[in-house]
Amino acid sequence: MAEAVRHAPHVHTVLEVDLLRYMTGLKKLIVPF
Protein backbone atom coordinates (compact mmCIF):
# COMPACT_ATOMS: atom_id res chain seq x y z
CA MET A 1 0.00 0.00 0.00
CA ALA A 2 2.88 2.39 0.66
CA GLU A 3 3.98 1.81 -2.94
CA ALA A 4 0.42 1.95 -4.36
CA VAL A 5 -0.44 5.27 -2.65
CA ARG A 6 2.71 6.84 -4.13
CA HIS A 7 1.03 6.49 -7.53
CA ALA A 8 -2.47 7.59 -6.46
CA PRO A 9 -2.16 11.38 -6.12
CA HIS A 10 -5.68 12.10 -4.81
CA VAL A 11 -5.37 9.89 -1.70
CA HIS A 12 -4.90 12.34 1.16
CA THR A 13 -5.39 10.09 4.21
CA VAL A 14 -4.34 6.53 5.01
CA LEU A 15 -6.01 4.96 8.07
CA GLU A 16 -4.10 1.97 9.47
CA VAL A 17 -5.77 -0.97 11.23
CA ASP A 18 -3.48 -2.76 13.71
CA LEU A 19 -4.24 -6.48 14.06
CA LEU A 20 -2.24 -6.53 17.31
CA ARG A 21 -5.44 -6.02 19.29
CA TYR A 22 -6.58 -9.53 18.31
CA MET A 23 -3.43 -11.12 19.74
CA THR A 24 -3.21 -12.65 23.22
CA GLY A 25 -0.48 -14.02 25.47
CA LEU A 26 3.08 -14.31 24.21
CA LYS A 27 2.17 -13.36 20.63
CA LYS A 28 0.91 -9.96 21.79
CA LEU A 29 4.27 -9.31 23.48
CA ILE A 30 6.41 -10.51 20.56
CA VAL A 31 4.71 -8.74 17.61
CA PRO A 32 5.98 -5.20 18.43
CA PHE A 33 9.56 -6.51 18.35
All heavy atoms as atom14 arrays in JSON, in Angstrom:
{
  "sequence": "MAEAVRHAPHVHTVLEVDLLRYMTGLKKLIVPF",
  "atom14_mask": [
    [1, 1, 1, 1, 1, 1, 1, 1, 0, 0, 0, 0, 0, 0],
    [1, 1, 1, 1, 1, 0, 0, 0, 0, 0, 0, 0, 0, 0],
    [1, 1, 1, 1, 1, 1, 1, 1, 1, 0, 0, 0, 0, 0],
    [1, 1, 1, 1, 1, 0, 0, 0, 0, 0, 0, 0, 0, 0],
    [1, 1, 1, 1, 1, 1, 1, 0, 0, 0, 0, 0, 0, 0],
    [1, 1, 1, 1, 1, 1, 1, 1, 1, 1, 1, 0, 0, 0],
    [1, 1, 1, 1, 1, 1, 1, 1, 1, 1, 0, 0, 0, 0],
    [1, 1, 1, 1, 1, 0, 0, 0, 0, 0, 0, 0, 0, 0],
    [1, 1, 1, 1, 1, 1, 1, 0, 0, 0, 0, 0, 0, 0],
    [1, 1, 1, 1, 1, 1, 1, 1, 1, 1, 0, 0, 0, 0],
    [1, 1, 1, 1, 1, 1, 1, 0, 0, 0, 0, 0, 0, 0],
    [1, 1, 1, 1, 1, 1, 1, 1, 1, 1, 0, 0, 0, 0],
    [1, 1, 1, 1, 1, 1, 1, 0, 0, 0, 0, 0, 0, 0],
    [1, 1, 1, 1, 1, 1, 1, 0, 0, 0, 0, 0, 0, 0],
    [1, 1, 1, 1, 1, 1, 1, 1, 0, 0, 0, 0, 0, 0],
    [1, 1, 1, 1, 1, 1, 1, 1, 1, 0, 0, 0, 0, 0],
    [1, 1, 1, 1, 1, 1, 1, 0, 0, 0, 0, 0, 0, 0],
    [1, 1, 1, 1, 1, 1, 1, 1, 0, 0, 0, 0, 0, 0],
    [1, 1, 1, 1, 1, 1, 1, 1, 0, 0, 0, 0, 0, 0],
    [1, 1, 1, 1, 1, 1, 1, 1, 0, 0, 0, 0, 0, 0],
    [1, 1, 1, 1, 1, 1, 1, 1, 1, 1, 1, 0, 0, 0],
    [1, 1, 1, 1, 1, 1, 1, 1, 1, 1, 1, 1, 0, 0],
    [1, 1, 1, 1, 1, 1, 1, 1, 0, 0, 0, 0, 0, 0],
    [1, 1, 1, 1, 1, 1, 1, 0, 0, 0, 0, 0, 0, 0],
    [1, 1, 1, 1, 0, 0, 0, 0, 0, 0, 0, 0, 0, 0],
    [1, 1, 1, 1, 1, 1, 1, 1, 0, 0, 0, 0, 0, 0],
    [1, 1, 1, 1, 1, 1, 1, 1, 1, 0, 0, 0, 0, 0],
    [1, 1, 1, 1, 1, 1, 1, 1, 1, 0, 0, 0, 0, 0],
    [1, 1, 1, 1, 1, 1, 1, 1, 0, 0, 0, 0, 0, 0],
    [1, 1, 1, 1, 1, 1, 1, 1, 0, 0, 0, 0, 0, 0],
    [1, 1, 1, 1, 1, 1, 1, 0, 0, 0, 0, 0, 0, 0],
    [1, 1, 1, 1, 1, 1, 1, 0, 0, 0, 0, 0, 0, 0],
    [1, 1, 1, 1, 1, 1, 1, 1, 1, 1, 1, 0, 0, 0]
  ],
  "atom14_positions": [
    [[0.81, -1.21, 0.0], [0.0, 0.0, 0.0], [0.85, 1.26, 0.0], [0.48, 2.27, -0.61], [-0.95, 0.0, 1.2], [-2.1, -0.97, 1.05], [-2.95, -0.8, -0.55], [-3.51, 0.89, -0.46], [0.0, 0.0, 0.0], [0.0, 0.0, 0.0], [0.0, 0.0, 0.0], [0.0, 0.0, 0.0], [0.0, 0.0, 0.0], [0.0, 0.0, 0.0]],
    [[1.99, 1.23, 0.68], [2.88, 2.39, 0.66], [3.31, 2.69, -0.77], [3.34, 3.85, -1.2], [4.1, 2.13, 1.55], [0.0, 0.0, 0.0], [0.0, 0.0, 0.0], [0.0, 0.0, 0.0], [0.0, 0.0, 0.0], [0.0, 0.0, 0.0], [0.0, 0.0, 0.0], [0.0, 0.0, 0.0], [0.0, 0.0, 0.0], [0.0, 0.0, 0.0]],
    [[3.59, 1.64, -1.54], [3.98, 1.81, -2.94], [2.78, 2.25, -3.78], [2.9, 3.15, -4.63], [4.54, 0.48, -3.47], [4.88, 0.47, -4.94], [6.01, 1.42, -5.32], [6.79, 1.83, -4.43], [6.1, 1.77, -6.51], [0.0, 0.0, 0.0], [0.0, 0.0, 0.0], [0.0, 0.0, 0.0], [0.0, 0.0, 0.0], [0.0, 0.0, 0.0]],
    [[1.61, 1.63, -3.56], [0.42, 1.95, -4.36], [-0.01, 3.41, -4.17], [-0.36, 4.1, -5.15], [-0.72, 1.02, -4.01], [0.0, 0.0, 0.0], [0.0, 0.0, 0.0], [0.0, 0.0, 0.0], [0.0, 0.0, 0.0], [0.0, 0.0, 0.0], [0.0, 0.0, 0.0], [0.0, 0.0, 0.0], [0.0, 0.0, 0.0], [0.0, 0.0, 0.0]],
    [[0.02, 3.9, -2.94], [-0.44, 5.27, -2.65], [0.5, 6.3, -3.28], [0.08, 7.4, -3.65], [-0.59, 5.49, -1.13], [-0.87, 6.95, -0.79], [-1.74, 4.61, -0.59], [0.0, 0.0, 0.0], [0.0, 0.0, 0.0], [0.0, 0.0, 0.0], [0.0, 0.0, 0.0], [0.0, 0.0, 0.0], [0.0, 0.0, 0.0], [0.0, 0.0, 0.0]],
    [[1.77, 5.94, -3.46], [2.71, 6.84, -4.13], [2.22, 7.21, -5.53], [2.52, 8.28, -6.04], [4.09, 6.18, -4.24], [4.93, 6.23, -2.98], [6.29, 5.59, -3.2], [6.99, 6.21, -4.32], [7.83, 5.57, -5.13], [8.06, 4.28, -4.97], [8.44, 6.21, -6.1], [0.0, 0.0, 0.0], [0.0, 0.0, 0.0], [0.0, 0.0, 0.0]],
    [[1.49, 6.29, -6.15], [1.03, 6.49, -7.53], [-0.46, 6.8, -7.61], [-1.08, 6.64, -8.67], [1.36, 5.25, -8.36], [2.82, 4.9, -8.35], [3.76, 5.61, -9.06], [3.5, 3.94, -7.67], [4.95, 5.09, -8.85], [4.83, 4.08, -8.01], [0.0, 0.0, 0.0], [0.0, 0.0, 0.0], [0.0, 0.0, 0.0], [0.0, 0.0, 0.0]],
    [[-1.05, 7.2, -6.5], [-2.47, 7.59, -6.46], [-2.56, 8.99, -5.84], [-2.77, 9.15, -4.63], [-3.27, 6.58, -5.64], [0.0, 0.0, 0.0], [0.0, 0.0, 0.0], [0.0, 0.0, 0.0], [0.0, 0.0, 0.0], [0.0, 0.0, 0.0], [0.0, 0.0, 0.0], [0.0, 0.0, 0.0], [0.0, 0.0, 0.0], [0.0, 0.0, 0.0]],
    [[-2.37, 10.02, -6.64], [-2.16, 11.38, -6.12], [-3.31, 11.98, -5.34], [-3.1, 12.9, -4.55], [-1.88, 12.2, -7.39], [-2.43, 11.39, -8.52], [-2.28, 9.97, -8.11], [0.0, 0.0, 0.0], [0.0, 0.0, 0.0], [0.0, 0.0, 0.0], [0.0, 0.0, 0.0], [0.0, 0.0, 0.0], [0.0, 0.0, 0.0], [0.0, 0.0, 0.0]],
    [[-4.54, 11.48, -5.5], [-5.68, 12.1, -4.81], [-5.96, 11.5, -3.42], [-6.83, 11.96, -2.71], [-6.93, 12.03, -5.68], [-6.83, 12.91, -6.9], [-7.7, 12.82, -7.96], [-5.94, 13.89, -7.22], [-7.36, 13.7, -8.88], [-6.3, 14.35, -8.45], [0.0, 0.0, 0.0], [0.0, 0.0, 0.0], [0.0, 0.0, 0.0], [0.0, 0.0, 0.0]],
    [[-5.23, 10.44, -3.06], [-5.37, 9.89, -1.7], [-4.7, 10.85, -0.73], [-3.49, 11.09, -0.81], [-4.74, 8.48, -1.6], [-4.76, 8.0, -0.14], [-5.46, 7.48, -2.49], [0.0, 0.0, 0.0], [0.0, 0.0, 0.0], [0.0, 0.0, 0.0], [0.0, 0.0, 0.0], [0.0, 0.0, 0.0], [0.0, 0.0, 0.0], [0.0, 0.0, 0.0]],
    [[-5.49, 11.39, 0.2], [-4.9, 12.34, 1.16], [-4.75, 11.77, 2.57], [-4.01, 12.31, 3.38], [-5.68, 13.66, 1.18], [-7.13, 13.54, 1.57], [-7.55, 13.18, 2.84], [-8.25, 13.75, 0.84], [-8.86, 13.18, 2.87], [-9.32, 13.51, 1.68], [0.0, 0.0, 0.0], [0.0, 0.0, 0.0], [0.0, 0.0, 0.0], [0.0, 0.0, 0.0]],
    [[-5.47, 10.67, 2.87], [-5.39, 10.09, 4.21], [-5.34, 8.58, 4.13], [-6.13, 7.96, 3.4], [-6.6, 10.5, 5.07], [-6.71, 11.93, 5.1], [-6.46, 9.97, 6.5], [0.0, 0.0, 0.0], [0.0, 0.0, 0.0], [0.0, 0.0, 0.0], [0.0, 0.0, 0.0], [0.0, 0.0, 0.0], [0.0, 0.0, 0.0], [0.0, 0.0, 0.0]],
    [[-4.42, 7.98, 4.87], [-4.34, 6.53, 5.01], [-4.6, 6.17, 6.47], [-3.88, 6.62, 7.37], [-2.96, 5.98, 4.58], [-2.88, 4.48, 4.85], [-2.69, 6.27, 3.11], [0.0, 0.0, 0.0], [0.0, 0.0, 0.0], [0.0, 0.0, 0.0], [0.0, 0.0, 0.0], [0.0, 0.0, 0.0], [0.0, 0.0, 0.0], [0.0, 0.0, 0.0]],
    [[-5.65, 5.41, 6.72], [-6.01, 4.96, 8.07], [-5.5, 3.53, 8.24], [-5.82, 2.66, 7.43], [-7.52, 5.01, 8.27], [-8.14, 6.41, 8.32], [-9.58, 6.37, 7.84], [-8.09, 6.96, 9.74], [0.0, 0.0, 0.0], [0.0, 0.0, 0.0], [0.0, 0.0, 0.0], [0.0, 0.0, 0.0], [0.0, 0.0, 0.0], [0.0, 0.0, 0.0]],
    [[-4.71, 3.28, 9.28], [-4.1, 1.97, 9.47], [-4.78, 1.18, 10.59], [-4.92, 1.68, 11.72], [-2.61, 2.12, 9.79], [-1.8, 2.62, 8.62], [-0.31, 2.57, 8.88], [0.1, 2.73, 10.06], [0.46, 2.38, 7.92], [0.0, 0.0, 0.0], [0.0, 0.0, 0.0], [0.0, 0.0, 0.0], [0.0, 0.0, 0.0], [0.0, 0.0, 0.0]],
    [[-5.19, -0.03, 10.27], [-5.77, -0.97, 11.23], [-4.65, -1.86, 11.76], [-3.91, -2.46, 10.98], [-6.86, -1.83, 10.57], [-7.33, -2.94, 11.5], [-8.03, -0.96, 10.12], [0.0, 0.0, 0.0], [0.0, 0.0, 0.0], [0.0, 0.0, 0.0], [0.0, 0.0, 0.0], [0.0, 0.0, 0.0], [0.0, 0.0, 0.0], [0.0, 0.0, 0.0]],
    [[-4.53, -1.94, 13.09], [-3.48, -2.76, 13.71], [-4.11, -4.06, 14.23], [-4.95, -4.03, 15.14], [-2.82, -1.99, 14.85], [-1.54, -2.67, 15.34], [-1.27, -3.81, 14.91], [-0.83, -2.05, 16.15], [0.0, 0.0, 0.0], [0.0, 0.0, 0.0], [0.0, 0.0, 0.0], [0.0, 0.0, 0.0], [0.0, 0.0, 0.0], [0.0, 0.0, 0.0]],
    [[-3.7, -5.18, 13.64], [-4.24, -6.48, 14.06], [-3.72, -6.93, 15.42], [-4.16, -7.96, 15.94], [-3.91, -7.55, 13.02], [-4.55, -7.38, 11.63], [-4.08, -8.5, 10.69], [-6.07, -7.36, 11.72], [0.0, 0.0, 0.0], [0.0, 0.0, 0.0], [0.0, 0.0, 0.0], [0.0, 0.0, 0.0], [0.0, 0.0, 0.0], [0.0, 0.0, 0.0]],
    [[-2.81, -6.16, 16.0], [-2.24, -6.53, 17.31], [-3.32, -6.7, 18.37], [-3.18, -7.53, 19.28], [-1.23, -5.47, 17.76], [-0.51, -5.73, 19.09], [0.35, -6.99, 19.01], [0.33, -4.52, 19.49], [0.0, 0.0, 0.0], [0.0, 0.0, 0.0], [0.0, 0.0, 0.0], [0.0, 0.0, 0.0], [0.0, 0.0, 0.0], [0.0, 0.0, 0.0]],
    [[-4.41, -5.95, 18.25], [-5.44, -6.02, 19.29], [-6.12, -7.39, 19.36], [-6.75, -7.72, 20.37], [-6.48, -4.92, 19.11], [-7.51, -5.15, 18.02], [-8.51, -4.01, 17.99], [-9.64, -4.27, 17.13], [-10.73, -4.93, 17.5], [-10.82, -5.45, 18.72], [-11.73, -5.11, 16.65], [0.0, 0.0, 0.0], [0.0, 0.0, 0.0], [0.0, 0.0, 0.0]],
    [[-5.99, -8.19, 18.28], [-6.58, -9.53, 18.31], [-5.64, -10.57, 18.92], [-6.03, -11.72, 19.11], [-6.94, -9.97, 16.88], [-8.07, -9.16, 16.26], [-7.81, -8.23, 15.27], [-9.39, -9.35, 16.68], [-8.84, -7.49, 14.7], [-10.42, -8.62, 16.11], [-10.14, -7.69, 15.12], [-11.16, -6.96, 14.56], [0.0, 0.0, 0.0], [0.0, 0.0, 0.0]],
    [[-4.4, -10.17, 19.2], [-3.43, -11.12, 19.74], [-3.58, -11.26, 21.25], [-4.0, -10.33, 21.93], [-2.0, -10.65, 19.42], [-1.69, -10.62, 17.94], [-1.74, -12.27, 17.25], [-1.29, -11.95, 15.56], [0.0, 0.0, 0.0], [0.0, 0.0, 0.0], [0.0, 0.0, 0.0], [0.0, 0.0, 0.0], [0.0, 0.0, 0.0], [0.0, 0.0, 0.0]],
    [[-3.19, -12.42, 21.76], [-3.21, -12.65, 23.22], [-1.89, -13.31, 23.62], [-1.12, -13.8, 22.77], [-4.37, -13.59, 23.61], [-4.25, -14.82, 22.88], [-5.72, -12.96, 23.29], [0.0, 0.0, 0.0], [0.0, 0.0, 0.0], [0.0, 0.0, 0.0], [0.0, 0.0, 0.0], [0.0, 0.0, 0.0], [0.0, 0.0, 0.0], [0.0, 0.0, 0.0]],
    [[-1.62, -13.29, 24.91], [-0.48, -14.02, 25.47], [0.85, -13.58, 24.9], [1.11, -12.4, 24.64], [0.0, 0.0, 0.0], [0.0, 0.0, 0.0], [0.0, 0.0, 0.0], [0.0, 0.0, 0.0], [0.0, 0.0, 0.0], [0.0, 0.0, 0.0], [0.0, 0.0, 0.0], [0.0, 0.0, 0.0], [0.0, 0.0, 0.0], [0.0, 0.0, 0.0]],
    [[1.72, -14.57, 24.66], [3.08, -14.31, 24.21], [3.12, -13.6, 22.86], [3.97, -12.73, 22.61], [3.85, -15.64, 24.13], [5.37, -15.55, 23.98], [5.99, -14.78, 25.13], [5.97, -16.95, 23.89], [0.0, 0.0, 0.0], [0.0, 0.0, 0.0], [0.0, 0.0, 0.0], [0.0, 0.0, 0.0], [0.0, 0.0, 0.0], [0.0, 0.0, 0.0]],
    [[2.19, -13.97, 21.96], [2.17, -13.36, 20.63], [1.99, -11.85, 20.73], [2.61, -11.09, 19.97], [1.04, -13.95, 19.78], [1.31, -15.39, 19.31], [0.15, -15.92, 18.52], [0.41, -17.37, 18.08], [-0.75, -17.97, 17.42], [0.0, 0.0, 0.0], [0.0, 0.0, 0.0], [0.0, 0.0, 0.0], [0.0, 0.0, 0.0], [0.0, 0.0, 0.0]],
    [[1.16, -11.4, 21.64], [0.91, -9.96, 21.79], [2.18, -9.23, 22.22], [2.42, -8.09, 21.84], [-0.21, -9.73, 22.82], [-0.82, -8.33, 22.78], [-1.98, -8.22, 23.73], [-2.71, -6.9, 23.54], [-3.62, -6.9, 22.4], [0.0, 0.0, 0.0], [0.0, 0.0, 0.0], [0.0, 0.0, 0.0], [0.0, 0.0, 0.0], [0.0, 0.0, 0.0]],
    [[3.02, -9.91, 23.01], [4.27, -9.31, 23.48], [5.33, -9.31, 22.39], [6.14, -8.38, 22.3], [4.79, -10.07, 24.7], [3.9, -10.04, 25.96], [4.45, -10.96, 27.02], [3.79, -8.61, 26.49], [0.0, 0.0, 0.0], [0.0, 0.0, 0.0], [0.0, 0.0, 0.0], [0.0, 0.0, 0.0], [0.0, 0.0, 0.0], [0.0, 0.0, 0.0]],
    [[5.34, -10.34, 21.55], [6.41, -10.51, 20.56], [6.23, -9.61, 19.34], [7.2, -9.05, 18.81], [6.5, -11.99, 20.12], [7.01, -12.84, 21.28], [7.4, -12.16, 18.91], [6.99, -14.33, 21.0], [0.0, 0.0, 0.0], [0.0, 0.0, 0.0], [0.0, 0.0, 0.0], [0.0, 0.0, 0.0], [0.0, 0.0, 0.0], [0.0, 0.0, 0.0]],
    [[4.97, -9.44, 18.88], [4.71, -8.74, 17.61], [5.4, -7.37, 17.52], [6.02, -7.05, 16.5], [3.2, -8.63, 17.34], [2.91, -7.61, 16.24], [2.64, -9.98, 16.94], [0.0, 0.0, 0.0], [0.0, 0.0, 0.0], [0.0, 0.0, 0.0], [0.0, 0.0, 0.0], [0.0, 0.0, 0.0], [0.0, 0.0, 0.0], [0.0, 0.0, 0.0]],
    [[5.33, -6.52, 18.57], [5.98, -5.2, 18.43], [7.47, -5.29, 18.14], [8.04, -4.39, 17.5], [5.72, -4.55, 19.8], [4.48, -5.21, 20.31], [4.58, -6.63, 19.83], [0.0, 0.0, 0.0], [0.0, 0.0, 0.0], [0.0, 0.0, 0.0], [0.0, 0.0, 0.0], [0.0, 0.0, 0.0], [0.0, 0.0, 0.0], [0.0, 0.0, 0.0]],
    [[8.12, -6.38, 18.56], [9.56, -6.51, 18.35], [9.9, -7.05, 16.95], [11.0, -6.83, 16.45], [10.17, -7.43, 19.42], [10.11, -6.84, 20.81], [9.12, -7.23, 21.7], [11.02, -5.87, 21.2], [9.05, -6.69, 22.97], [10.96, -5.32, 22.48], [9.97, -5.72, 23.36], [0.0, 0.0, 0.0], [0.0, 0.0, 0.0], [0.0, 0.0, 0.0]]
  ]
}
